[in-house]
C-alpha atoms as a PDB file:
ATOM      1  CA  MET A   1       0.000   0.000   0.000  1.00  0.00           C
ATOM      2  CA  MET A   2       2.741   2.448   0.921  1.00  0.00           C
ATOM      3  CA  ASN A   3       4.649   1.722  -2.291  1.00  0.00           C
ATOM      4  CA  THR A   4       1.638   2.227  -4.558  1.00  0.00           C
ATOM      5  CA  SER A   5      -0.187   5.136  -2.912  1.00  0.00           C
ATOM      6  CA  GLY A   6       0.674   5.751   0.750  1.00  0.00           C
ATOM      7  CA  TYR A   7       3.942   7.463  -0.152  1.00  0.00           C
ATOM      8  CA  LEU A   8       1.892  10.490  -1.246  1.00  0.00           C
ATOM      9  CA  VAL A   9       1.107  11.300   2.396  1.00  0.00           C
ATOM     10  CA  ASP A  10       4.811  11.324   3.276  1.00  0.00           C
ATOM     11  CA  GLN A  11       5.331  13.883   0.509  1.00  0.00           C
ATOM     12  CA  GLY A  12       2.623  16.183   1.843  1.00  0.00           C
ATOM     13  CA  TYR A  13      -0.102  15.340  -0.675  1.00  0.00           C
ATOM     14  CA  PRO A  14      -3.699  14.565   0.331  1.00  0.00           C
ATOM     15  CA  LEU A  15      -4.832  10.980  -0.164  1.00  0.00           C
ATOM     16  CA  PHE A  16      -8.431   9.771  -0.336  1.00  0.00           C
ATOM     17  CA  ILE A  17      -9.166   6.045  -0.492  1.00  0.00           C
ATOM     18  CA  GLY A  18     -12.287   5.420  -2.546  1.00  0.00           C
ATOM     19  CA  GLU A  19     -14.392   2.302  -2.983  1.00  0.00           C
ATOM     20  CA  PHE A  20     -12.450  -0.100  -0.786  1.00  0.00           C
ATOM     21  CA  GLY A  21     -14.221  -3.061   0.771  1.00  0.00           C
ATOM     22  CA  ILE A  22     -14.334  -6.820   1.198  1.00  0.00           C
ATOM     23  CA  ASP A  23     -16.673  -9.719   0.590  1.00  0.00           C
ATOM     24  CA  GLN A  24     -18.621  -9.476   3.850  1.00  0.00           C
ATOM     25  CA  SER A  25     -19.735 -13.082   3.711  1.00  0.00           C
ATOM     26  CA  GLY A  26     -16.257 -13.873   5.060  1.00  0.00           C
ATOM     27  CA  ALA A  27     -15.567 -16.391   2.311  1.00  0.00           C
ATOM     28  CA  ASN A  28     -12.576 -14.574   0.795  1.00  0.00           C
ATOM     29  CA  VAL A  29      -9.566 -15.459   2.973  1.00  0.00           C
ATOM     30  CA  ASN A  30      -7.178 -13.092   1.213  1.00  0.00           C
ATOM     31  CA  GLY A  31      -9.676 -10.247   1.482  1.00  0.00           C
ATOM     32  CA  ASN A  32     -10.144 -10.896   5.189  1.00  0.00           C
ATOM     33  CA  ARG A  33      -6.400 -10.642   5.778  1.00  0.00           C
ATOM     34  CA  TYR A  34      -5.946  -7.635   3.534  1.00  0.00           C
ATOM     35  CA  ILE A  35      -8.600  -5.574   5.301  1.00  0.00           C
ATOM     36  CA  SER A  36      -6.736  -5.879   8.624  1.00  0.00           C
ATOM     37  CA  CYS A  37      -3.637  -4.502   6.925  1.00  0.00           C
ATOM     38  CA  PHE A  38      -5.634  -1.747   5.242  1.00  0.00           C
ATOM     39  CA  LEU A  39      -7.402  -0.643   8.425  1.00  0.00           C
ATOM     40  CA  GLY A  40      -4.069  -0.444  10.244  1.00  0.00           C
ATOM     41  CA  VAL A  41      -2.612   1.818   7.567  1.00  0.00           C
ATOM     42  CA  ALA A  42      -5.793   3.915   7.318  1.00  0.00           C
ATOM     43  CA  ALA A  43      -5.736   4.499  11.089  1.00  0.00           C
ATOM     44  CA  GLU A  44      -2.020   5.275  11.171  1.00  0.00           C
ATOM     45  CA  LEU A  45      -2.245   7.805   8.327  1.00  0.00           C
ATOM     46  CA  ASP A  46      -5.682   9.098   9.413  1.00  0.00           C
ATOM     47  CA  LEU A  47      -6.952   8.723   5.858  1.00  0.00           C
ATOM     48  CA  ASP A  48     -10.257   9.843   4.424  1.00  0.00           C
ATOM     49  CA  TRP A  49     -12.084   6.981   2.744  1.00  0.00           C
ATOM     50  CA  ALA A  50     -15.318   5.777   1.190  1.00  0.00           C
ATOM     51  CA  LEU A  51     -16.579   2.198   1.504  1.00  0.00           C
ATOM     52  CA  TRP A  52     -17.763   0.068  -1.407  1.00  0.00           C
ATOM     53  CA  THR A  53     -20.664  -0.290  -0.955  1.00  0.00           C
ATOM     54  CA  LEU A  54     -23.900   0.519   0.896  1.00  0.00           C
ATOM     55  CA  ALA A  55     -26.211  -1.479  -1.382  1.00  0.00           C
ATOM     56  CA  GLY A  56     -27.335  -4.879  -0.120  1.00  0.00           C
ATOM     57  CA  SER A  57     -28.834  -5.999  -3.425  1.00  0.00           C
ATOM     58  CA  TYR A  58     -29.962  -4.751  -6.840  1.00  0.00           C
ATOM     59  CA  TYR A  59     -33.237  -4.961  -8.729  1.00  0.00           C
ATOM     60  CA  LEU A  60     -31.193  -5.741 -11.818  1.00  0.00           C
ATOM     61  CA  ARG A  61     -27.447  -5.871 -12.372  1.00  0.00           C
ATOM     62  CA  ASP A  62     -25.394  -7.545 -15.092  1.00  0.00           C
ATOM     63  CA  GLY A  63     -28.584  -9.147 -16.362  1.00  0.00           C
ATOM     64  CA  VAL A  64     -29.332 -10.748 -12.987  1.00  0.00           C
ATOM     65  CA  VAL A  65     -32.606  -9.942 -11.201  1.00  0.00           C
ATOM     66  CA  GLY A  66     -32.258  -9.488  -7.431  1.00  0.00           C
ATOM     67  CA  LEU A  67     -28.464  -9.762  -7.423  1.00  0.00           C
ATOM     68  CA  ASN A  68     -27.000 -10.099  -3.909  1.00  0.00           C
ATOM     69  CA  GLU A  69     -24.167  -7.588  -3.240  1.00  0.00           C
ATOM     70  CA  TYR A  70     -21.762  -9.402  -0.920  1.00  0.00           C
ATOM     71  CA  TYR A  71     -19.641  -6.272  -0.565  1.00  0.00           C
ATOM     72  CA  GLY A  72     -22.671  -4.322   0.676  1.00  0.00           C
ATOM     73  CA  ALA A  73     -22.921  -2.905   4.178  1.00  0.00           C
ATOM     74  CA  MET A  74     -26.685  -3.610   4.145  1.00  0.00           C
ATOM     75  CA  ASP A  75     -28.128  -7.118   4.042  1.00  0.00           C
ATOM     76  CA  TYR A  76     -30.016  -8.471   1.042  1.00  0.00           C
ATOM     77  CA  ASN A  77     -33.346  -7.011   2.202  1.00  0.00           C
ATOM     78  CA  TRP A  78     -31.813  -3.656   3.224  1.00  0.00           C
ATOM     79  CA  CYS A  79     -33.160  -4.187   6.763  1.00  0.00           C
ATOM     80  CA  GLY A  80     -29.929  -4.381   8.745  1.00  0.00           C
ATOM     81  CA  ALA A  81     -26.171  -4.737   8.605  1.00  0.00           C
ATOM     82  CA  ARG A  82     -24.849  -7.620   6.533  1.00  0.00           C
ATOM     83  CA  ASN A  83     -21.896  -8.110   8.870  1.00  0.00           C
ATOM     84  CA  SER A  84     -22.084  -6.270  12.203  1.00  0.00           C
ATOM     85  CA  SER A  85     -18.503  -7.166  13.146  1.00  0.00           C
ATOM     86  CA  PHE A  86     -17.231  -5.441   9.998  1.00  0.00           C
ATOM     87  CA  ILE A  87     -19.246  -2.317  10.834  1.00  0.00           C
ATOM     88  CA  GLN A  88     -17.584  -2.336  14.253  1.00  0.00           C
ATOM     89  CA  ARG A  89     -14.162  -2.626  12.623  1.00  0.00           C
ATOM     90  CA  ILE A  90     -14.591   0.488  10.511  1.00  0.00           C
ATOM     91  CA  SER A  91     -16.449   2.526  13.144  1.00  0.00           C
ATOM     92  CA  ALA A  92     -13.210   3.646  14.824  1.00  0.00           C
ATOM     93  CA  LEU A  93     -12.136   5.213  11.523  1.00  0.00           C
ATOM     94  CA  GLN A  94     -15.357   7.109  10.893  1.00  0.00           C
ATOM     95  CA  SER A  95     -14.040  10.030  12.942  1.00  0.00           C
ATOM     96  CA  PRO A  96     -10.499  11.356  12.478  1.00  0.00           C
ATOM     97  CA  PHE A  97      -7.883  10.518  15.071  1.00  0.00           C
ATOM     98  CA  ARG A  98      -6.127  13.856  14.767  1.00  0.00           C
ATOM     99  CA  GLY A  99      -7.591  16.157  12.225  1.00  0.00           C
ATOM    100  CA  PRO A 100      -7.083  18.488  10.567  1.00  0.00           C
ATOM    101  CA  GLY A 101      -8.738  20.812  13.040  1.00  0.00           C
ATOM    102  CA  LEU A 102      -9.153  18.211  15.791  1.00  0.00           C
ATOM    103  CA  SER A 103      -7.314  19.169  18.969  1.00  0.00           C
ATOM    104  CA  GLU A 104      -9.460  17.905  21.837  1.00  0.00           C
ATOM    105  CA  ALA A 105      -6.375  16.661  23.692  1.00  0.00           C
ATOM    106  CA  LYS A 106      -2.610  16.848  23.677  1.00  0.00           C
ATOM    107  CA  PRO A 107      -0.948  14.517  21.138  1.00  0.00           C
ATOM    108  CA  HIS A 108      -0.758  10.927  22.337  1.00  0.00           C
ATOM    109  CA  LYS A 109      -0.984   7.429  20.925  1.00  0.00           C
ATOM    110  CA  VAL A 110      -3.732   4.835  21.040  1.00  0.00           C
ATOM    111  CA  ILE A 111      -3.133   1.124  20.492  1.00  0.00           C
ATOM    112  CA  PHE A 112      -5.493   0.073  17.694  1.00  0.00           C
ATOM    113  CA  HIS A 113      -6.391  -3.548  16.859  1.00  0.00           C
ATOM    114  CA  PRO A 114      -7.477  -3.701  13.193  1.00  0.00           C
ATOM    115  CA  LEU A 115      -9.005  -7.192  13.400  1.00  0.00           C
ATOM    116  CA  THR A 116     -11.686  -5.941  15.798  1.00  0.00           C
ATOM    117  CA  GLY A 117     -11.656  -2.175  15.224  1.00  0.00           C
ATOM    118  CA  LEU A 118     -11.115  -1.716  18.976  1.00  0.00           C
ATOM    119  CA  CYS A 119      -8.381  -0.145  21.109  1.00  0.00           C
ATOM    120  CA  ILE A 120      -6.650  -1.089  24.349  1.00  0.00           C
ATOM    121  CA  THR A 121      -8.451   0.150  27.449  1.00  0.00           C
ATOM    122  CA  ARG A 122      -9.284  -1.019  30.960  1.00  0.00           C
ATOM    123  CA  LYS A 123     -12.325  -1.024  33.222  1.00  0.00           C
ATOM    124  CA  LEU A 124     -12.922  -1.443  36.934  1.00  0.00           C
ATOM    125  CA  LEU A 125     -14.232  -4.458  38.803  1.00  0.00           C
ATOM    126  CA  ARG A 126     -16.463  -4.026  41.830  1.00  0.00           C
ATOM    127  CA  LYS A 127     -14.377  -6.322  44.047  1.00  0.00           C
ATOM    128  CA  SER A 128     -10.954  -5.545  42.660  1.00  0.00           C
ATOM    129  CA  LEU A 129      -8.983  -2.397  41.999  1.00  0.00           C
ATOM    130  CA  VAL A 130      -8.658  -3.101  38.305  1.00  0.00           C
ATOM    131  CA  ARG A 131      -9.064  -5.875  35.832  1.00  0.00           C
ATOM    132  CA  PRO A 132      -6.659  -6.717  32.995  1.00  0.00           C
ATOM    133  CA  LEU A 133      -6.183  -4.548  29.971  1.00  0.00           C
ATOM    134  CA  GLN A 134      -8.694  -5.373  27.288  1.00  0.00           C
ATOM    135  CA  LEU A 135     -10.054  -4.210  23.969  1.00  0.00           C
ATOM    136  CA  GLY A 136     -12.829  -1.637  23.994  1.00  0.00           C
ATOM    137  CA  PRO A 137     -14.171   1.275  21.946  1.00  0.00           C
ATOM    138  CA  CYS A 138     -11.450   3.610  20.714  1.00  0.00           C
ATOM    139  CA  THR A 139     -13.420   6.495  22.209  1.00  0.00           C
ATOM    140  CA  ASP A 140     -12.426   4.998  25.590  1.00  0.00           C
ATOM    141  CA  ALA A 141      -8.824   4.218  24.653  1.00  0.00           C
ATOM    142  CA  TYR A 142      -5.989   4.794  27.074  1.00  0.00           C
ATOM    143  CA  PRO A 143      -3.666   7.611  25.902  1.00  0.00           C
ATOM    144  CA  TRP A 144      -0.127   6.264  25.575  1.00  0.00           C
ATOM    145  CA  SER A 145       3.314   7.678  24.953  1.00  0.00           C
ATOM    146  CA  TYR A 146       6.006   5.621  23.193  1.00  0.00           C
ATOM    147  CA  SER A 147       9.466   6.499  24.434  1.00  0.00           C
ATOM    148  CA  PRO A 148      12.830   6.271  22.637  1.00  0.00           C
ATOM    149  CA  GLN A 149      13.517   3.379  25.029  1.00  0.00           C
ATOM    150  CA  LYS A 150      10.502   1.612  23.457  1.00  0.00           C
ATOM    151  CA  THR A 151       8.336   1.682  26.570  1.00  0.00           C
ATOM    152  CA  LEU A 152       4.594   2.254  26.318  1.00  0.00           C
ATOM    153  CA  VAL A 153       3.501   4.504  29.186  1.00  0.00           C
ATOM    154  CA  VAL A 154      -0.041   5.623  29.998  1.00  0.00           C
ATOM    155  CA  LYS A 155       0.132   9.335  29.314  1.00  0.00           C
ATOM    156  CA  GLY A 156       0.157  11.435  32.464  1.00  0.00           C
ATOM    157  CA  THR A 157       1.195   8.505  34.705  1.00  0.00           C
ATOM    158  CA  ARG A 158       4.245   6.353  35.418  1.00  0.00           C
ATOM    159  CA  PHE A 159       2.507   3.134  34.452  1.00  0.00           C
ATOM    160  CA  CYS A 160       4.070   1.188  31.579  1.00  0.00           C
ATOM    161  CA  LEU A 161       2.909  -1.890  29.683  1.00  0.00           C
ATOM    162  CA  GLN A 162       4.577  -5.103  30.897  1.00  0.00           C
ATOM    163  CA  THR A 163       4.444  -8.855  30.406  1.00  0.00           C
ATOM    164  CA  ASP A 164       5.562 -11.630  32.751  1.00  0.00           C
ATOM    165  CA  ALA A 165       4.921 -14.845  30.833  1.00  0.00           C
ATOM    166  CA  SER A 166       3.596 -16.142  27.536  1.00  0.00           C
ATOM    167  CA  GLY A 167      -0.109 -16.954  27.576  1.00  0.00           C
ATOM    168  CA  THR A 168      -0.898 -14.579  30.443  1.00  0.00           C
ATOM    169  CA  SER A 169      -2.469 -11.136  30.669  1.00  0.00           C
ATOM    170  CA  VAL A 170      -0.273  -8.093  30.267  1.00  0.00           C
ATOM    171  CA  LYS A 171      -0.255  -5.569  33.089  1.00  0.00           C
ATOM    172  CA  LEU A 172       0.709  -2.039  34.018  1.00  0.00           C
ATOM    173  CA  GLY A 173       3.743  -1.560  36.261  1.00  0.00           C
ATOM    174  CA  ILE A 174       6.077   1.192  37.439  1.00  0.00           C
ATOM    175  CA  PHE A 175       9.448  -0.565  37.006  1.00  0.00           C
ATOM    176  CA  CYS A 176       9.952  -0.022  33.304  1.00  0.00           C
ATOM    177  CA  THR A 177      13.627  -0.730  32.581  1.00  0.00           C
ATOM    178  CA  GLY A 178      13.436  -4.484  31.962  1.00  0.00           C
ATOM    179  CA  SER A 179      13.178  -6.183  28.580  1.00  0.00           C
ATOM    180  CA  ASN A 180       9.616  -7.206  29.480  1.00  0.00           C
ATOM    181  CA  SER A 181       8.663  -3.506  29.306  1.00  0.00           C
ATOM    182  CA  LYS A 182      10.269  -2.695  25.945  1.00  0.00           C
ATOM    183  CA  TRP A 183       7.982  -3.134  22.947  1.00  0.00           C
ATOM    184  CA  GLU A 184       9.338  -3.207  19.411  1.00  0.00           C
ATOM    185  CA  THR A 185       7.407  -3.251  16.161  1.00  0.00           C
ATOM    186  CA  ILE A 186       8.664  -6.275  14.253  1.00  0.00           C
ATOM    187  CA  SER A 187       7.984  -8.264  11.064  1.00  0.00           C
ATOM    188  CA  ASP A 188       7.478  -6.822   7.592  1.00  0.00           C
ATOM    189  CA  SER A 189       4.076  -5.467   8.604  1.00  0.00           C
ATOM    190  CA  LYS A 190       5.511  -3.510  11.568  1.00  0.00           C
ATOM    191  CA  MET A 191       2.297  -4.412  13.378  1.00  0.00           C
ATOM    192  CA  HIS A 192       3.595  -7.054  15.781  1.00  0.00           C
ATOM    193  CA  LEU A 193       4.406  -5.502  19.181  1.00  0.00           C
ATOM    194  CA  SER A 194       7.110  -7.707  20.668  1.00  0.00           C
ATOM    195  CA  ALA A 195       8.907  -7.800  24.021  1.00  0.00           C
ATOM    196  CA  LYS A 196      11.380 -10.217  25.604  1.00  0.00           C
ATOM    197  CA  LEU A 197      10.781 -12.183  28.768  1.00  0.00           C
ATOM    198  CA  ARG A 198      13.463 -12.454  31.420  1.00  0.00           C
ATOM    199  CA  ASP A 199      14.625 -15.757  29.887  1.00  0.00           C
ATOM    200  CA  GLY A 200      15.206 -14.002  26.552  1.00  0.00           C
ATOM    201  CA  LYS A 201      12.171 -15.488  24.782  1.00  0.00           C
ATOM    202  CA  SER A 202      10.389 -13.107  22.410  1.00  0.00           C
ATOM    203  CA  ILE A 203       6.618 -12.814  22.726  1.00  0.00           C
ATOM    204  CA  CYS A 204       3.977 -10.638  21.043  1.00  0.00           C
ATOM    205  CA  LEU A 205       0.817  -8.874  22.132  1.00  0.00           C
ATOM    206  CA  ASP A 206      -2.265 -10.947  21.376  1.00  0.00           C
ATOM    207  CA  VAL A 207      -5.974 -11.016  22.199  1.00  0.00           C
ATOM    208  CA  ALA A 208      -7.786 -13.727  24.166  1.00  0.00           C
ATOM    209  CA  SER A 209     -11.312 -14.890  23.336  1.00  0.00           C
ATOM    210  CA  ASP A 210     -12.754 -12.517  25.968  1.00  0.00           C
ATOM    211  CA  ASN A 211     -10.863  -9.538  24.449  1.00  0.00           C
ATOM    212  CA  THR A 212      -8.303  -9.514  27.276  1.00  0.00           C
ATOM    213  CA  ILE A 213      -4.831  -8.442  26.140  1.00  0.00           C
ATOM    214  CA  ILE A 214      -2.330 -11.270  26.566  1.00  0.00           C
ATOM    215  CA  THR A 215       1.027 -12.291  25.118  1.00  0.00           C
ATOM    216  CA  ASN A 216       1.853 -15.368  23.055  1.00  0.00           C
ATOM    217  CA  GLY A 217       4.662 -16.571  20.868  1.00  0.00           C
ATOM    218  CA  CYS A 218       4.904 -14.350  17.785  1.00  0.00           C
ATOM    219  CA  LYS A 219       2.923 -15.735  14.846  1.00  0.00           C
ATOM    220  CA  CYS A 220       3.681 -15.606  11.125  1.00  0.00           C
ATOM    221  CA  ILE A 221       7.125 -14.013  11.408  1.00  0.00           C
ATOM    222  CA  SER A 222       8.440 -16.305   8.673  1.00  0.00           C
ATOM    223  CA  LYS A 223       7.073 -16.054   5.141  1.00  0.00           C
ATOM    224  CA  ASP A 224       4.224 -18.555   5.443  1.00  0.00           C
ATOM    225  CA  ASN A 225       1.249 -17.443   3.371  1.00  0.00           C
ATOM    226  CA  THR A 226      -1.035 -19.947   5.104  1.00  0.00           C
ATOM    227  CA  CYS A 227      -0.516 -18.259   8.483  1.00  0.00           C
ATOM    228  CA  ASP A 228      -2.910 -15.571   9.763  1.00  0.00           C
ATOM    229  CA  PRO A 229      -1.220 -13.026  12.067  1.00  0.00           C
ATOM    230  CA  SER A 230      -4.174 -10.654  12.422  1.00  0.00           C
ATOM    231  CA  SER A 231      -4.946 -11.328  16.107  1.00  0.00           C
ATOM    232  CA  GLN A 232      -1.413 -10.075  16.886  1.00  0.00           C
ATOM    233  CA  TRP A 233      -1.544  -7.008  14.659  1.00  0.00           C
ATOM    234  CA  PHE A 234      -1.672  -3.698  16.518  1.00  0.00           C
ATOM    235  CA  LYS A 235      -1.021  -0.130  15.381  1.00  0.00           C
ATOM    236  CA  LEU A 236       0.333   2.729  17.464  1.00  0.00           C
ATOM    237  CA  VAL A 237      -1.843   5.549  16.148  1.00  0.00           C
ATOM    238  CA  ASP A 238      -1.193   9.237  16.786  1.00  0.00           C
ATOM    239  CA  SER A 239      -4.300  10.914  18.169  1.00  0.00           C
ATOM    240  CA  THR A 240      -5.580  14.216  19.499  1.00  0.00           C
ATOM    241  CA  ARG A 241      -8.999  12.833  20.438  1.00  0.00           C
ATOM    242  CA  SER A 242     -10.035  13.338  24.038  1.00  0.00           C
ATOM    243  CA  SER A 243      -9.094  10.363  26.230  1.00  0.00           C
ATOM    244  CA  THR A 244     -10.538   9.928  29.710  1.00  0.00           C
ATOM    245  CA  ARG A 245      -9.995   6.211  30.204  1.00  0.00           C
ATOM    246  CA  VAL A 246      -8.063   6.502  33.505  1.00  0.00           C
ATOM    247  CA  GLU A 247     -11.085   5.902  35.708  1.00  0.00           C
ATOM    248  CA  ARG A 248     -12.174   8.789  37.921  1.00  0.00           C
ATOM    249  CA  SER A 249     -12.374   6.557  40.980  1.00  0.00           C
ATOM    250  CA  LEU A 250      -8.740   5.570  40.446  1.00  0.00           C
ATOM    251  CA  LEU A 251      -7.428   9.104  40.495  1.00  0.00           C
ATOM    252  CA  PRO A 252      -7.251   9.571  44.291  1.00  0.00           C
ATOM    253  CA  TYR A 253      -5.426   6.239  44.602  1.00  0.00           C
ATOM    254  CA  LEU A 254      -2.933   6.984  41.839  1.00  0.00           C
ATOM    255  CA  THR A 255      -2.361  10.585  42.901  1.00  0.00           C
ATOM    256  CA  GLY A 256      -1.725   9.509  46.483  1.00  0.00           C
ATOM    257  CA  MET A 257       0.964   7.105  45.288  1.00  0.00           C
ATOM    258  CA  GLY A 258       2.537   9.830  43.172  1.00  0.00           C
ATOM    259  CA  LEU A 259       1.854   7.815  40.017  1.00  0.00           C
ATOM    260  CA  VAL A 260      -0.346  10.348  38.263  1.00  0.00           C
ATOM    261  CA  PRO A 261      -0.402  14.140  38.401  1.00  0.00           C
ATOM    262  CA  ASN A 262      -3.483  16.121  39.295  1.00  0.00           C
ATOM    263  CA  HIS A 263      -4.331  16.611  35.640  1.00  0.00           C
ATOM    264  CA  LEU A 264      -4.551  14.096  32.818  1.00  0.00           C
ATOM    265  CA  VAL A 265      -3.865  14.361  29.111  1.00  0.00           C
ATOM    266  CA  GLY A 266      -6.127  16.935  27.443  1.00  0.00           C
END
């Protein structure tokens, strides 16, 4: 994508992506994989776009009466969404991440997951201080900063993203100098976020079935076209959208520990 059209953005030219889409029946494996790549790039570059297509069916097309449009956002009867999960995936991109003219908050990053169209966030439990990081609406995304030391820190706090073991939930911690706190973008896609455990093993961010953020061994690093890496694809997206995900009831606790200032990003 960058070689054929995305390079225009780097040169200061506007770029509009028109009539992109996929077979929303899910039957096209290559299309399913491509759209994850496309959504990652579209989020990163904050592109304007138009989806092909709204129509769920046609009275007459190509000589066929009542032709079903599998690329259509509407179902055959035009009564609902053909594929609600696909609508969720593109919903995060329906509003710009940073503009032009959008300055609700100071510049920060959100961690976007193209396969689901969600971002990394966290919510409270009634009987516990916090529960693990998980995917949620990008409007609720944590604001992150990505340091030259490759640490991901919740903006306005001292909490950084950490992992302790493969197959377990990631966490936020305050001791951020270890290899388990340094996240590099690897592979040709630059969408795997990888860290090293204390034993030197490389692992990548992944998503569990309940949308909890975990780590696993990195998938599809070698050139195997039968492998699907999309659950492990994440994009660090620059944003100036307002972010208020650090829960209000956490603020007294964090401020008292000196882990967050009296004001948050934005």
